[in-house]
Amino acid sequence: MKLKQLEGLLGSLEQFSNPKIELEQYPTGSHIASRMLYTAENSFGDVKNKVVADFGCGCGTLGLAAALLGADHVIGLDIDAQSLEIACENADELELDMEFVQCDIKNLTWKGQIIDTVVMNPPFGTRRKGADMDFLSVALKVASEAVYSLHKTTTRDHVRRAALRDCNASSAEVLCELRYDVPQLYKFHKKKEVDIAVDLWRFVPKKKQ
């Protein structure tokens, strides 16, 4: 599948109608999502025929992108039931099979590296400090191949240091810097749209002995 075709399909997905600020719910735009998964597959072979988990999947954009690119099995996890309902509808619309699990990522009880690849656009940690690293820590425990994640560019040094020191990463690489368009979703937003510089990271977990 070509990048433009992937972006077009993702652009048709339904997004949050009533986003919850306490969960830092922002839609992952089709531009970023398509490039994130396309890079994971075409540069590293981390999607096709793999078991992929989408952490904090929201409306399912990243996980559905993985399914469109030939993932063997995709699991979307989110704490919010309403988001999972939308994600389920999006999967039906695209006629894709995707499993959905309602859970708090912090309390995930999966044992061992049972997922090949984790993809995620975690909370940036602006409402609850450290939320992004909580997601990364769990992702690097359950992934056997790689974790792809978006983090604010301003936190680059902190993310690299924490991933390597505290989160079980054997390597942490910024693949590219992207512009994340944040639409005016909440009352405290003063502008119609703001774009934030974000890094697309690829983390490789340490292999379990």
N, C-alpha and C. Protein backbone atom coordinates (compact mmCIF):
# COMPACT_ATOMS: atom_id res chain seq x y z
N MET A 1 0.84 -1.20 0.00
CA MET A 1 0.00 0.00 0.00
C MET A 1 0.87 1.25 0.00
N LYS A 2 0.54 2.19 -0.86
CA LYS A 2 1.31 3.44 -0.94
C LYS A 2 0.96 4.36 0.24
N LEU A 3 1.92 5.23 0.58
CA LEU A 3 1.75 6.13 1.71
C LEU A 3 0.50 7.00 1.57
N LYS A 4 0.29 7.57 0.40
CA LYS A 4 -0.86 8.47 0.18
C LYS A 4 -2.18 7.72 0.34
N GLN A 5 -2.21 6.47 -0.13
CA GLN A 5 -3.42 5.66 0.02
C GLN A 5 -3.71 5.38 1.49
N LEU A 6 -2.66 5.07 2.25
CA LEU A 6 -2.79 4.83 3.69
C LEU A 6 -3.30 6.09 4.39
N GLU A 7 -2.70 7.22 4.07
CA GLU A 7 -3.12 8.48 4.69
C GLU A 7 -4.59 8.80 4.37
N GLY A 8 -5.00 8.52 3.13
CA GLY A 8 -6.38 8.77 2.72
C GLY A 8 -7.37 7.93 3.50
N LEU A 9 -7.07 6.66 3.69
CA LEU A 9 -7.96 5.78 4.44
C LEU A 9 -8.06 6.20 5.91
N LEU A 10 -6.93 6.56 6.49
CA LEU A 10 -6.92 6.99 7.90
C LEU A 10 -7.65 8.32 8.07
N GLY A 11 -7.61 9.16 7.03
CA GLY A 11 -8.28 10.46 7.10
C GLY A 11 -9.79 10.36 7.16
N SER A 12 -10.32 9.19 6.81
CA SER A 12 -11.78 9.01 6.81
C SER A 12 -12.31 8.53 8.16
N LEU A 13 -11.42 8.26 9.11
CA LEU A 13 -11.85 7.69 10.39
C LEU A 13 -12.54 8.72 11.27
N GLU A 14 -13.52 8.23 12.03
CA GLU A 14 -14.20 9.09 13.00
C GLU A 14 -13.26 9.34 14.18
N GLN A 15 -13.30 10.57 14.71
CA GLN A 15 -12.44 10.92 15.85
C GLN A 15 -13.29 11.30 17.06
N PHE A 16 -12.63 11.68 18.16
CA PHE A 16 -13.34 12.00 19.41
C PHE A 16 -14.41 13.06 19.19
N SER A 17 -15.63 12.80 19.69
CA SER A 17 -16.66 13.84 19.64
C SER A 17 -16.64 14.66 20.93
N ASN A 18 -16.35 13.99 22.07
CA ASN A 18 -16.25 14.68 23.36
C ASN A 18 -14.96 14.26 24.06
N PRO A 19 -13.82 14.82 23.61
CA PRO A 19 -12.53 14.39 24.19
C PRO A 19 -12.42 14.74 25.67
N LYS A 20 -11.71 13.91 26.41
CA LYS A 20 -11.55 14.09 27.86
C LYS A 20 -10.17 14.66 28.14
N ILE A 21 -10.13 15.86 28.69
CA ILE A 21 -8.86 16.55 28.93
C ILE A 21 -8.02 15.80 29.95
N GLU A 22 -8.65 15.16 30.93
CA GLU A 22 -7.86 14.47 31.97
C GLU A 22 -7.08 13.29 31.38
N LEU A 23 -7.52 12.77 30.24
CA LEU A 23 -6.82 11.68 29.56
C LEU A 23 -5.92 12.20 28.43
N GLU A 24 -5.87 13.54 28.29
CA GLU A 24 -5.10 14.17 27.20
C GLU A 24 -5.47 13.55 25.84
N GLN A 25 -6.76 13.51 25.58
CA GLN A 25 -7.23 12.92 24.33
C GLN A 25 -7.12 13.91 23.18
N TYR A 26 -6.19 13.65 22.30
CA TYR A 26 -6.04 14.42 21.06
C TYR A 26 -5.99 13.41 19.92
N PRO A 27 -6.69 13.67 18.83
CA PRO A 27 -6.63 12.72 17.72
C PRO A 27 -5.24 12.66 17.10
N THR A 28 -4.82 11.45 16.73
CA THR A 28 -3.57 11.29 15.98
C THR A 28 -3.92 11.48 14.51
N GLY A 29 -3.47 12.57 13.92
CA GLY A 29 -3.82 12.89 12.54
C GLY A 29 -3.33 11.86 11.55
N SER A 30 -4.03 11.78 10.41
CA SER A 30 -3.68 10.78 9.40
C SER A 30 -2.29 11.01 8.82
N HIS A 31 -1.84 12.27 8.78
CA HIS A 31 -0.51 12.57 8.24
C HIS A 31 0.58 11.92 9.09
N ILE A 32 0.50 12.12 10.40
CA ILE A 32 1.50 11.55 11.31
C ILE A 32 1.35 10.02 11.41
N ALA A 33 0.11 9.56 11.57
CA ALA A 33 -0.12 8.12 11.75
C ALA A 33 0.37 7.32 10.56
N SER A 34 0.09 7.81 9.36
CA SER A 34 0.49 7.07 8.15
C SER A 34 2.01 7.00 8.04
N ARG A 35 2.69 8.10 8.34
CA ARG A 35 4.15 8.12 8.25
C ARG A 35 4.80 7.26 9.33
N MET A 36 4.19 7.26 10.49
CA MET A 36 4.72 6.47 11.60
C MET A 36 4.70 4.98 11.26
N LEU A 37 3.55 4.47 10.79
CA LEU A 37 3.43 3.04 10.50
C LEU A 37 4.12 2.67 9.20
N TYR A 38 4.09 3.57 8.23
CA TYR A 38 4.76 3.30 6.96
C TYR A 38 6.28 3.16 7.18
N THR A 39 6.82 4.02 8.03
CA THR A 39 8.25 3.94 8.37
C THR A 39 8.56 2.65 9.12
N ALA A 40 7.69 2.30 10.07
CA ALA A 40 7.91 1.07 10.86
C ALA A 40 7.97 -0.15 9.95
N GLU A 41 7.12 -0.19 8.92
CA GLU A 41 7.10 -1.35 8.03
C GLU A 41 8.18 -1.26 6.96
N ASN A 42 8.26 -0.14 6.26
CA ASN A 42 9.13 -0.08 5.09
C ASN A 42 10.61 0.09 5.42
N SER A 43 10.91 0.68 6.57
CA SER A 43 12.32 0.82 6.96
C SER A 43 12.80 -0.31 7.85
N PHE A 44 11.87 -0.93 8.62
CA PHE A 44 12.32 -1.89 9.63
C PHE A 44 11.59 -3.24 9.59
N GLY A 45 10.52 -3.34 8.80
CA GLY A 45 9.78 -4.61 8.74
C GLY A 45 9.11 -4.99 10.05
N ASP A 46 8.63 -3.98 10.79
CA ASP A 46 8.08 -4.22 12.13
C ASP A 46 6.55 -4.33 12.18
N VAL A 47 5.89 -4.41 11.01
CA VAL A 47 4.42 -4.43 11.02
C VAL A 47 3.85 -5.68 10.33
N LYS A 48 4.19 -5.90 9.09
CA LYS A 48 3.59 -7.00 8.33
C LYS A 48 3.87 -8.34 8.99
N ASN A 49 2.79 -9.14 9.15
CA ASN A 49 2.86 -10.48 9.77
C ASN A 49 3.29 -10.45 11.23
N LYS A 50 3.20 -9.28 11.87
CA LYS A 50 3.58 -9.15 13.28
C LYS A 50 2.33 -9.01 14.16
N VAL A 51 2.52 -9.28 15.45
CA VAL A 51 1.49 -8.96 16.45
C VAL A 51 1.79 -7.56 16.97
N VAL A 52 0.84 -6.66 16.75
CA VAL A 52 1.04 -5.24 17.06
C VAL A 52 0.03 -4.79 18.11
N ALA A 53 0.50 -4.04 19.10
CA ALA A 53 -0.40 -3.45 20.10
C ALA A 53 -0.36 -1.93 19.98
N ASP A 54 -1.53 -1.31 20.05
CA ASP A 54 -1.67 0.15 20.02
C ASP A 54 -2.05 0.58 21.43
N PHE A 55 -1.09 1.17 22.16
CA PHE A 55 -1.30 1.59 23.55
C PHE A 55 -1.99 2.96 23.59
N GLY A 56 -3.08 3.04 24.37
CA GLY A 56 -3.83 4.29 24.42
C GLY A 56 -4.40 4.57 23.05
N CYS A 57 -5.08 3.56 22.50
CA CYS A 57 -5.41 3.58 21.06
C CYS A 57 -6.42 4.65 20.67
N GLY A 58 -7.16 5.19 21.65
CA GLY A 58 -8.15 6.22 21.30
C GLY A 58 -9.12 5.68 20.27
N CYS A 59 -9.20 6.37 19.13
CA CYS A 59 -10.15 5.97 18.08
C CYS A 59 -9.55 4.95 17.11
N GLY A 60 -8.38 4.43 17.44
CA GLY A 60 -7.83 3.29 16.73
C GLY A 60 -6.94 3.57 15.54
N THR A 61 -6.57 4.84 15.34
CA THR A 61 -5.87 5.22 14.10
C THR A 61 -4.57 4.44 13.88
N LEU A 62 -3.70 4.38 14.88
CA LEU A 62 -2.41 3.71 14.69
C LEU A 62 -2.57 2.20 14.49
N GLY A 63 -3.42 1.60 15.30
CA GLY A 63 -3.65 0.16 15.19
C GLY A 63 -4.26 -0.21 13.84
N LEU A 64 -5.20 0.58 13.38
CA LEU A 64 -5.84 0.31 12.09
C LEU A 64 -4.84 0.51 10.94
N ALA A 65 -3.93 1.47 11.10
CA ALA A 65 -2.87 1.64 10.10
C ALA A 65 -2.01 0.38 10.04
N ALA A 66 -1.72 -0.21 11.20
CA ALA A 66 -0.94 -1.45 11.23
C ALA A 66 -1.69 -2.58 10.53
N ALA A 67 -3.00 -2.66 10.77
CA ALA A 67 -3.81 -3.69 10.12
C ALA A 67 -3.82 -3.51 8.60
N LEU A 68 -3.93 -2.26 8.16
CA LEU A 68 -3.92 -1.97 6.72
C LEU A 68 -2.60 -2.35 6.07
N LEU A 69 -1.52 -2.32 6.86
CA LEU A 69 -0.19 -2.65 6.33
C LEU A 69 0.16 -4.13 6.52
N GLY A 70 -0.85 -4.93 6.90
CA GLY A 70 -0.63 -6.38 6.90
C GLY A 70 -0.22 -7.01 8.20
N ALA A 71 -0.44 -6.32 9.35
CA ALA A 71 -0.14 -6.95 10.65
C ALA A 71 -0.96 -8.23 10.80
N ASP A 72 -0.37 -9.22 11.44
CA ASP A 72 -1.03 -10.50 11.63
C ASP A 72 -2.19 -10.38 12.63
N HIS A 73 -1.95 -9.64 13.70
CA HIS A 73 -2.98 -9.44 14.73
C HIS A 73 -2.72 -8.09 15.39
N VAL A 74 -3.79 -7.33 15.61
CA VAL A 74 -3.65 -6.00 16.21
C VAL A 74 -4.56 -5.90 17.44
N ILE A 75 -4.00 -5.41 18.53
CA ILE A 75 -4.75 -5.22 19.77
C ILE A 75 -4.69 -3.73 20.14
N GLY A 76 -5.85 -3.12 20.31
CA GLY A 76 -5.92 -1.73 20.76
C GLY A 76 -6.33 -1.68 22.22
N LEU A 77 -5.56 -0.96 23.03
CA LEU A 77 -5.85 -0.86 24.46
C LEU A 77 -6.11 0.59 24.84
N ASP A 78 -7.17 0.82 25.60
CA ASP A 78 -7.48 2.17 26.06
C ASP A 78 -8.31 2.08 27.33
N ILE A 79 -8.18 3.08 28.17
CA ILE A 79 -8.92 3.11 29.43
C ILE A 79 -10.36 3.59 29.23
N ASP A 80 -10.61 4.25 28.09
CA ASP A 80 -11.87 4.95 27.86
C ASP A 80 -12.81 4.14 26.96
N ALA A 81 -13.96 3.74 27.51
CA ALA A 81 -14.91 2.89 26.78
C ALA A 81 -15.47 3.60 25.55
N GLN A 82 -15.72 4.90 25.65
CA GLN A 82 -16.29 5.64 24.51
C GLN A 82 -15.32 5.65 23.33
N SER A 83 -14.04 5.83 23.61
CA SER A 83 -13.03 5.80 22.55
C SER A 83 -13.01 4.45 21.87
N LEU A 84 -13.09 3.39 22.67
CA LEU A 84 -13.05 2.04 22.11
C LEU A 84 -14.27 1.76 21.23
N GLU A 85 -15.41 2.34 21.59
CA GLU A 85 -16.60 2.19 20.74
C GLU A 85 -16.36 2.81 19.37
N ILE A 86 -15.76 4.01 19.36
CA ILE A 86 -15.46 4.67 18.09
C ILE A 86 -14.44 3.86 17.29
N ALA A 87 -13.42 3.36 17.99
CA ALA A 87 -12.38 2.56 17.33
C ALA A 87 -12.99 1.31 16.69
N CYS A 88 -13.93 0.70 17.39
CA CYS A 88 -14.60 -0.50 16.89
C CYS A 88 -15.40 -0.17 15.63
N GLU A 89 -16.09 0.96 15.65
CA GLU A 89 -16.84 1.40 14.47
C GLU A 89 -15.89 1.68 13.30
N ASN A 90 -14.75 2.29 13.59
CA ASN A 90 -13.76 2.57 12.54
C ASN A 90 -13.24 1.28 11.91
N ALA A 91 -13.01 0.27 12.76
CA ALA A 91 -12.54 -1.02 12.25
C ALA A 91 -13.59 -1.65 11.35
N ASP A 92 -14.85 -1.57 11.78
CA ASP A 92 -15.95 -2.11 10.96
C ASP A 92 -16.03 -1.39 9.62
N GLU A 93 -15.87 -0.08 9.68
CA GLU A 93 -15.97 0.74 8.46
C GLU A 93 -14.90 0.32 7.43
N LEU A 94 -13.71 0.01 7.93
CA LEU A 94 -12.61 -0.40 7.04
C LEU A 94 -12.59 -1.91 6.80
N GLU A 95 -13.55 -2.62 7.44
CA GLU A 95 -13.65 -4.07 7.32
C GLU A 95 -12.34 -4.75 7.75
N LEU A 96 -11.85 -4.30 8.91
CA LEU A 96 -10.61 -4.85 9.45
C LEU A 96 -10.88 -5.54 10.79
N ASP A 97 -10.14 -6.60 11.06
CA ASP A 97 -10.21 -7.28 12.35
C ASP A 97 -9.22 -6.64 13.30
N MET A 98 -9.70 -6.18 14.44
CA MET A 98 -8.81 -5.62 15.46
C MET A 98 -9.44 -5.93 16.81
N GLU A 99 -8.63 -6.40 17.74
CA GLU A 99 -9.10 -6.73 19.08
C GLU A 99 -8.98 -5.49 19.96
N PHE A 100 -9.98 -5.27 20.82
CA PHE A 100 -9.94 -4.11 21.70
C PHE A 100 -10.04 -4.54 23.16
N VAL A 101 -9.22 -3.92 24.00
CA VAL A 101 -9.20 -4.24 25.43
C VAL A 101 -9.29 -2.94 26.22
N GLN A 102 -10.26 -2.88 27.15
CA GLN A 102 -10.35 -1.70 28.02
C GLN A 102 -9.51 -1.94 29.26
N CYS A 103 -8.49 -1.10 29.45
CA CYS A 103 -7.63 -1.25 30.62
C CYS A 103 -6.80 0.01 30.80
N ASP A 104 -6.27 0.16 32.01
CA ASP A 104 -5.31 1.20 32.31
C ASP A 104 -3.93 0.62 31.99
N ILE A 105 -3.22 1.26 31.07
CA ILE A 105 -1.91 0.74 30.63
C ILE A 105 -0.98 0.51 31.83
N LYS A 106 -1.03 1.41 32.80
CA LYS A 106 -0.15 1.28 33.97
C LYS A 106 -0.36 -0.04 34.71
N ASN A 107 -1.59 -0.55 34.65
CA ASN A 107 -1.93 -1.76 35.40
C ASN A 107 -1.97 -3.02 34.53
N LEU A 108 -1.40 -2.93 33.34
CA LEU A 108 -1.41 -4.07 32.42
C LEU A 108 -0.64 -5.25 33.04
N THR A 109 -1.26 -6.42 33.01
CA THR A 109 -0.65 -7.57 33.69
C THR A 109 -0.08 -8.61 32.73
N TRP A 110 0.11 -8.25 31.46
CA TRP A 110 0.72 -9.20 30.52
C TRP A 110 2.10 -9.60 31.02
N LYS A 111 2.42 -10.87 30.88
CA LYS A 111 3.72 -11.37 31.34
C LYS A 111 4.62 -11.66 30.13
N GLY A 112 5.79 -11.07 30.14
CA GLY A 112 6.78 -11.37 29.10
C GLY A 112 6.57 -10.59 27.81
N GLN A 113 7.48 -10.82 26.88
CA GLN A 113 7.48 -10.08 25.60
C GLN A 113 6.58 -10.79 24.60
N ILE A 114 5.26 -10.60 24.78
CA ILE A 114 4.28 -11.36 23.99
C ILE A 114 3.81 -10.60 22.74
N ILE A 115 4.23 -9.35 22.61
CA ILE A 115 3.88 -8.52 21.45
C ILE A 115 5.15 -8.30 20.63
N ASP A 116 5.03 -8.30 19.32
CA ASP A 116 6.21 -7.98 18.50
C ASP A 116 6.51 -6.48 18.56
N THR A 117 5.48 -5.67 18.24
CA THR A 117 5.67 -4.23 18.07
C THR A 117 4.58 -3.47 18.80
N VAL A 118 4.96 -2.46 19.56
CA VAL A 118 3.99 -1.54 20.18
C VAL A 118 4.07 -0.20 19.46
N VAL A 119 2.90 0.34 19.10
CA VAL A 119 2.83 1.69 18.53
C VAL A 119 1.97 2.53 19.46
N MET A 120 2.34 3.79 19.63
CA MET A 120 1.55 4.60 20.56
C MET A 120 1.81 6.09 20.39
N ASN A 121 0.77 6.84 20.70
CA ASN A 121 0.86 8.28 20.84
C ASN A 121 0.42 8.56 22.28
N PRO A 122 1.34 8.43 23.23
CA PRO A 122 0.95 8.48 24.64
C PRO A 122 0.57 9.89 25.07
N PRO A 123 -0.09 10.01 26.24
CA PRO A 123 -0.28 11.36 26.80
C PRO A 123 1.09 12.02 26.93
N PHE A 124 1.19 13.31 26.62
CA PHE A 124 2.49 13.97 26.67
C PHE A 124 2.94 14.27 28.10
N GLY A 125 2.03 14.04 29.07
CA GLY A 125 2.40 14.27 30.46
C GLY A 125 2.21 15.71 30.91
N THR A 126 1.39 16.47 30.15
CA THR A 126 1.15 17.86 30.54
C THR A 126 0.10 17.97 31.64
N ARG A 127 -0.85 17.02 31.70
CA ARG A 127 -1.86 17.02 32.76
C ARG A 127 -1.40 16.16 33.95
N ARG A 128 -0.74 15.05 33.66
CA ARG A 128 -0.21 14.20 34.72
C ARG A 128 1.24 13.90 34.41
N LYS A 129 2.11 14.51 35.17
CA LYS A 129 3.55 14.41 34.91
C LYS A 129 4.00 12.95 34.89
N GLY A 130 4.77 12.62 33.86
CA GLY A 130 5.33 11.28 33.77
C GLY A 130 4.44 10.26 33.08
N ALA A 131 3.25 10.68 32.63
CA ALA A 131 2.32 9.73 31.99
C ALA A 131 2.94 9.10 30.75
N ASP A 132 3.69 9.90 29.99
CA ASP A 132 4.30 9.37 28.75
C ASP A 132 5.32 8.28 29.05
N MET A 133 6.09 8.47 30.12
CA MET A 133 7.11 7.48 30.46
C MET A 133 6.51 6.23 31.10
N ASP A 134 5.35 6.37 31.75
CA ASP A 134 4.64 5.19 32.26
C ASP A 134 4.27 4.28 31.09
N PHE A 135 3.75 4.88 30.03
CA PHE A 135 3.38 4.12 28.83
C PHE A 135 4.61 3.44 28.24
N LEU A 136 5.70 4.19 28.13
CA LEU A 136 6.91 3.66 27.51
C LEU A 136 7.49 2.51 28.33
N SER A 137 7.47 2.64 29.63
CA SER A 137 8.01 1.60 30.50
C SER A 137 7.27 0.28 30.31
N VAL A 138 5.94 0.34 30.25
CA VAL A 138 5.15 -0.88 30.06
C VAL A 138 5.36 -1.43 28.65
N ALA A 139 5.39 -0.54 27.65
CA ALA A 139 5.58 -0.98 26.26
C ALA A 139 6.87 -1.75 26.09
N LEU A 140 7.93 -1.28 26.73
CA LEU A 140 9.23 -1.93 26.58
C LEU A 140 9.35 -3.23 27.38
N LYS A 141 8.37 -3.50 28.23
CA LYS A 141 8.33 -4.79 28.94
C LYS A 141 7.64 -5.86 28.10
N VAL A 142 6.65 -5.45 27.28
CA VAL A 142 5.84 -6.45 26.56
C VAL A 142 6.25 -6.61 25.10
N ALA A 143 6.99 -5.66 24.54
CA ALA A 143 7.40 -5.75 23.13
C ALA A 143 8.68 -6.57 23.01
N SER A 144 8.76 -7.40 21.97
CA SER A 144 9.98 -8.17 21.75
C SER A 144 10.85 -7.55 20.66
N GLU A 145 10.23 -6.77 19.74
CA GLU A 145 10.98 -6.23 18.60
C GLU A 145 11.24 -4.73 18.72
N ALA A 146 10.15 -3.94 18.85
CA ALA A 146 10.33 -2.49 18.82
C ALA A 146 9.11 -1.78 19.39
N VAL A 147 9.34 -0.55 19.83
CA VAL A 147 8.27 0.36 20.26
C VAL A 147 8.42 1.65 19.47
N TYR A 148 7.34 2.07 18.83
CA TYR A 148 7.29 3.35 18.10
C TYR A 148 6.40 4.28 18.89
N SER A 149 6.92 5.49 19.18
CA SER A 149 6.18 6.39 20.05
C SER A 149 6.46 7.84 19.69
N LEU A 150 5.47 8.69 19.97
CA LEU A 150 5.60 10.14 19.73
C LEU A 150 5.80 10.85 21.05
N HIS A 151 6.81 11.72 21.11
CA HIS A 151 7.06 12.52 22.31
C HIS A 151 7.44 13.93 21.89
N LYS A 152 7.10 14.89 22.73
CA LYS A 152 7.42 16.29 22.40
C LYS A 152 8.94 16.45 22.21
N THR A 153 9.31 17.17 21.17
CA THR A 153 10.73 17.36 20.86
C THR A 153 11.47 18.02 22.02
N THR A 154 10.77 18.87 22.76
CA THR A 154 11.41 19.57 23.89
C THR A 154 11.83 18.60 25.00
N THR A 155 11.30 17.36 24.97
CA THR A 155 11.65 16.39 26.03
C THR A 155 12.66 15.35 25.53
N ARG A 156 13.28 15.61 24.37
CA ARG A 156 14.12 14.59 23.72
C ARG A 156 15.21 14.03 24.64
N ASP A 157 15.98 14.89 25.28
CA ASP A 157 17.08 14.41 26.13
C ASP A 157 16.57 13.57 27.29
N HIS A 158 15.48 14.05 27.89
CA HIS A 158 14.89 13.34 29.03
C HIS A 158 14.38 11.96 28.60
N VAL A 159 13.69 11.90 27.45
CA VAL A 159 13.13 10.64 26.97
C VAL A 159 14.24 9.63 26.70
N ARG A 160 15.30 10.07 26.02
CA ARG A 160 16.40 9.15 25.71
C ARG A 160 17.05 8.62 26.99
N ARG A 161 17.32 9.53 27.92
CA ARG A 161 17.99 9.14 29.17
C ARG A 161 17.12 8.15 29.96
N ALA A 162 15.84 8.47 30.10
CA ALA A 162 14.94 7.62 30.89
C ALA A 162 14.71 6.27 30.22
N ALA A 163 14.60 6.26 28.89
CA ALA A 163 14.37 5.00 28.17
C ALA A 163 15.52 4.03 28.37
N LEU A 164 16.74 4.54 28.27
CA LEU A 164 17.92 3.69 28.36
C LEU A 164 18.24 3.31 29.81
N ARG A 165 17.95 4.22 30.73
CA ARG A 165 18.33 3.99 32.13
C ARG A 165 17.25 3.24 32.91
N ASP A 166 15.97 3.60 32.65
CA ASP A 166 14.89 3.12 33.52
C ASP A 166 13.87 2.20 32.85
N CYS A 167 13.83 2.18 31.52
CA CYS A 167 12.68 1.56 30.85
C CYS A 167 13.01 0.33 30.01
N ASN A 168 14.17 -0.29 30.22
CA ASN A 168 14.47 -1.55 29.54
C ASN A 168 14.77 -1.40 28.05
N ALA A 169 15.14 -0.19 27.59
CA ALA A 169 15.50 -0.02 26.18
C ALA A 169 16.98 -0.32 25.96
N SER A 170 17.29 -1.07 24.89
CA SER A 170 18.69 -1.27 24.53
C SER A 170 19.15 -0.19 23.55
N SER A 171 18.19 0.40 22.83
CA SER A 171 18.51 1.53 21.96
C SER A 171 17.30 2.46 21.87
N ALA A 172 17.58 3.74 21.62
CA ALA A 172 16.54 4.76 21.52
C ALA A 172 16.94 5.73 20.42
N GLU A 173 16.17 5.75 19.34
CA GLU A 173 16.55 6.54 18.16
C GLU A 173 15.40 7.43 17.71
N VAL A 174 15.69 8.70 17.49
CA VAL A 174 14.69 9.59 16.87
C VAL A 174 14.77 9.40 15.36
N LEU A 175 13.67 8.92 14.77
CA LEU A 175 13.65 8.68 13.33
C LEU A 175 13.39 9.96 12.54
N CYS A 176 12.55 10.83 13.08
CA CYS A 176 12.29 12.12 12.43
C CYS A 176 11.52 13.03 13.37
N GLU A 177 11.53 14.31 13.04
CA GLU A 177 10.74 15.30 13.78
C GLU A 177 9.52 15.65 12.92
N LEU A 178 8.35 15.63 13.55
CA LEU A 178 7.10 15.89 12.84
C LEU A 178 6.37 17.06 13.50
N ARG A 179 5.41 17.62 12.77
CA ARG A 179 4.56 18.68 13.33
C ARG A 179 3.22 18.05 13.71
N TYR A 180 2.87 18.15 14.96
CA TYR A 180 1.64 17.57 15.46
C TYR A 180 0.59 18.68 15.56
N ASP A 181 -0.42 18.61 14.73
CA ASP A 181 -1.47 19.63 14.74
C ASP A 181 -2.46 19.34 15.86
N VAL A 182 -2.55 20.25 16.81
CA VAL A 182 -3.50 20.10 17.91
C VAL A 182 -4.67 21.03 17.63
N PRO A 183 -5.85 20.48 17.29
CA PRO A 183 -6.99 21.35 17.02
C PRO A 183 -7.55 21.94 18.31
N GLN A 184 -8.40 22.95 18.18
CA GLN A 184 -8.98 23.62 19.35
C GLN A 184 -10.11 22.73 19.88
N LEU A 185 -9.77 21.84 20.81
CA LEU A 185 -10.74 20.88 21.33
C LEU A 185 -11.29 21.29 22.69
N TYR A 186 -10.48 22.03 23.45
CA TYR A 186 -10.85 22.31 24.84
C TYR A 186 -10.99 23.82 25.07
N LYS A 187 -11.74 24.17 26.12
CA LYS A 187 -12.03 25.58 26.38
C LYS A 187 -10.78 26.40 26.63
N PHE A 188 -9.75 25.79 27.21
CA PHE A 188 -8.55 26.57 27.54
C PHE A 188 -7.69 26.85 26.30
N HIS A 189 -8.00 26.21 25.17
CA HIS A 189 -7.26 26.50 23.94
C HIS A 189 -7.64 27.87 23.41
N LYS A 190 -6.65 28.73 23.24
CA LYS A 190 -6.91 30.09 22.78
C LYS A 190 -6.90 30.19 21.25
N LYS A 191 -6.18 29.29 20.60
CA LYS A 191 -6.06 29.35 19.14
C LYS A 191 -6.83 28.20 18.50
N LYS A 192 -7.23 28.41 17.25
CA LYS A 192 -7.98 27.36 16.54
C LYS A 192 -7.14 26.10 16.34
N GLU A 193 -5.87 26.28 16.11
CA GLU A 193 -4.99 25.13 15.91
C GLU A 193 -3.56 25.51 16.28
N VAL A 194 -2.88 24.59 16.91
CA VAL A 194 -1.47 24.82 17.27
C VAL A 194 -0.68 23.63 16.76
N ASP A 195 0.48 23.88 16.20
CA ASP A 195 1.28 22.70 15.88
C ASP A 195 2.50 22.63 16.79
N ILE A 196 2.71 21.43 17.30
CA ILE A 196 3.76 21.15 18.26
C ILE A 196 4.80 20.26 17.59
N ALA A 197 6.07 20.53 17.84
CA ALA A 197 7.12 19.67 17.31
C ALA A 197 7.18 18.39 18.13
N VAL A 198 7.05 17.24 17.45
CA VAL A 198 7.14 15.95 18.13
C VAL A 198 8.18 15.07 17.44
N ASP A 199 8.80 14.22 18.23
CA ASP A 199 9.76 13.25 17.69
C ASP A 199 9.08 11.90 17.51
N LEU A 200 9.37 11.26 16.39
CA LEU A 200 8.99 9.87 16.22
C LEU A 200 10.18 9.01 16.64
N TRP A 201 9.98 8.26 17.71
CA TRP A 201 11.05 7.43 18.29
C TRP A 201 10.87 5.97 17.91
N ARG A 202 11.99 5.28 17.77
CA ARG A 202 11.99 3.81 17.71
C ARG A 202 12.88 3.31 18.84
N PHE A 203 12.26 2.60 19.76
CA PHE A 203 12.98 2.01 20.89
C PHE A 203 13.07 0.50 20.67
N VAL A 204 14.22 -0.08 20.96
CA VAL A 204 14.38 -1.53 20.91
C VAL A 204 14.54 -2.04 22.33
N PRO A 205 13.68 -2.98 22.75
CA PRO A 205 13.79 -3.49 24.13
C PRO A 205 14.96 -4.43 24.30
N LYS A 206 15.46 -4.48 25.52
CA LYS A 206 16.47 -5.49 25.84
C LYS A 206 15.82 -6.86 25.75
N LYS A 207 16.54 -7.82 25.21
CA LYS A 207 16.00 -9.19 25.08
C LYS A 207 15.97 -9.86 26.44
N LYS A 208 14.86 -10.53 26.71
CA LYS A 208 14.76 -11.29 27.96
C LYS A 208 15.67 -12.52 27.85
N GLN A 209 16.36 -12.79 28.93
CA GLN A 209 17.25 -13.96 28.95
C GLN A 209 16.45 -15.23 29.11
